[in-house]
Amino acid sequence: MKKNVTLKQRKDLEGKMAKVFKGNIEGLSTELQEILVDDLVTAFQNRINVLIRVQEKRSY
């Protein structure tokens, strides 16, 4: 089962990650900050999907 998120949920997650990492990314331009946060959210979603699949395979 793949966990899909809505566009609103993704934007919310991007906002939360940007807030958490603000101190670490403030030296980057706005454009690079947006790219990095987008990449972080994508990696996070991909990791969750992998872990869900692993868990499902162990649960049979």
C-alpha atoms as a PDB file:
ATOM      1  CA  MET A   1       0.000   0.000   0.000  1.00  0.00           C
ATOM      2  CA  LYS A   2       1.568   3.244  -1.124  1.00  0.00           C
ATOM      3  CA  LYS A   3       0.857   6.289   1.020  1.00  0.00           C
ATOM      4  CA  ASN A   4      -0.275   9.100  -1.252  1.00  0.00           C
ATOM      5  CA  VAL A   5      -0.472  12.650  -0.009  1.00  0.00           C
ATOM      6  CA  THR A   6      -2.571  15.461  -1.348  1.00  0.00           C
ATOM      7  CA  LEU A   7      -1.043  18.659  -2.674  1.00  0.00           C
ATOM      8  CA  LYS A   8      -2.251  20.469   0.445  1.00  0.00           C
ATOM      9  CA  GLN A   9      -0.649  17.876   2.729  1.00  0.00           C
ATOM     10  CA  ARG A  10       2.604  18.161   0.773  1.00  0.00           C
ATOM     11  CA  LYS A  11       2.599  21.961   1.036  1.00  0.00           C
ATOM     12  CA  ASP A  12       1.918  21.702   4.771  1.00  0.00           C
ATOM     13  CA  LEU A  13       4.821  19.290   5.164  1.00  0.00           C
ATOM     14  CA  GLU A  14       7.083  21.576   3.122  1.00  0.00           C
ATOM     15  CA  GLY A  15       6.180  24.470   5.397  1.00  0.00           C
ATOM     16  CA  LYS A  16       6.909  22.452   8.517  1.00  0.00           C
ATOM     17  CA  MET A  17      10.252  21.226   7.189  1.00  0.00           C
ATOM     18  CA  ALA A  18      11.221  24.738   6.107  1.00  0.00           C
ATOM     19  CA  LYS A  19      10.471  25.945   9.627  1.00  0.00           C
ATOM     20  CA  VAL A  20      12.447  23.136  11.269  1.00  0.00           C
ATOM     21  CA  PHE A  21      15.490  23.617   9.040  1.00  0.00           C
ATOM     22  CA  LYS A  22      15.288  27.409   8.820  1.00  0.00           C
ATOM     23  CA  GLY A  23      18.525  27.971  10.720  1.00  0.00           C
ATOM     24  CA  ASN A  24      20.368  25.525   8.516  1.00  0.00           C
ATOM     25  CA  ILE A  25      19.156  26.776   5.142  1.00  0.00           C
ATOM     26  CA  GLU A  26      18.889  30.526   5.666  1.00  0.00           C
ATOM     27  CA  GLY A  27      22.231  31.078   3.913  1.00  0.00           C
ATOM     28  CA  LEU A  28      20.768  29.743   0.671  1.00  0.00           C
ATOM     29  CA  SER A  29      18.817  31.785  -1.830  1.00  0.00           C
ATOM     30  CA  THR A  30      15.028  31.469  -1.674  1.00  0.00           C
ATOM     31  CA  GLU A  31      15.051  29.384  -4.835  1.00  0.00           C
ATOM     32  CA  LEU A  32      17.613  26.943  -3.445  1.00  0.00           C
ATOM     33  CA  GLN A  33      15.722  26.738  -0.143  1.00  0.00           C
ATOM     34  CA  GLU A  34      12.566  25.776  -2.033  1.00  0.00           C
ATOM     35  CA  ILE A  35      14.433  23.153  -4.050  1.00  0.00           C
ATOM     36  CA  LEU A  36      16.029  21.669  -0.938  1.00  0.00           C
ATOM     37  CA  VAL A  37      12.762  21.541   1.015  1.00  0.00           C
ATOM     38  CA  ASP A  38      11.013  19.931  -1.966  1.00  0.00           C
ATOM     39  CA  ASP A  39      13.792  17.324  -2.143  1.00  0.00           C
ATOM     40  CA  LEU A  40      13.535  16.662   1.601  1.00  0.00           C
ATOM     41  CA  VAL A  41       9.782  16.100   1.378  1.00  0.00           C
ATOM     42  CA  THR A  42      10.198  13.791  -1.618  1.00  0.00           C
ATOM     43  CA  ALA A  43      12.891  11.772   0.179  1.00  0.00           C
ATOM     44  CA  PHE A  44      10.726  11.599   3.303  1.00  0.00           C
ATOM     45  CA  GLN A  45       7.719  10.334   1.341  1.00  0.00           C
ATOM     46  CA  ASN A  46       9.832   7.779  -0.503  1.00  0.00           C
ATOM     47  CA  ARG A  47      11.326   6.484   2.752  1.00  0.00           C
ATOM     48  CA  ILE A  48       7.878   6.118   4.302  1.00  0.00           C
ATOM     49  CA  ASN A  49       6.681   4.158   1.261  1.00  0.00           C
ATOM     50  CA  VAL A  50       9.699   1.832   1.467  1.00  0.00           C
ATOM     51  CA  LEU A  51       9.128   1.215   5.166  1.00  0.00           C
ATOM     52  CA  ILE A  52       5.430   0.530   4.595  1.00  0.00           C
ATOM     53  CA  ARG A  53       6.320  -2.072   1.938  1.00  0.00           C
ATOM     54  CA  VAL A  54       8.903  -3.699   4.221  1.00  0.00           C
ATOM     55  CA  GLN A  55       6.435  -3.831   7.053  1.00  0.00           C
ATOM     56  CA  GLU A  56       3.743  -5.365   4.826  1.00  0.00           C
ATOM     57  CA  LYS A  57       6.128  -8.099   3.657  1.00  0.00           C
ATOM     58  CA  ARG A  58       6.944  -8.998   7.273  1.00  0.00           C
ATOM     59  CA  SER A  59       3.295  -9.033   8.338  1.00  0.00           C
ATOM     60  CA  TYR A  60       2.037 -11.910   6.228  1.00  0.00           C
END
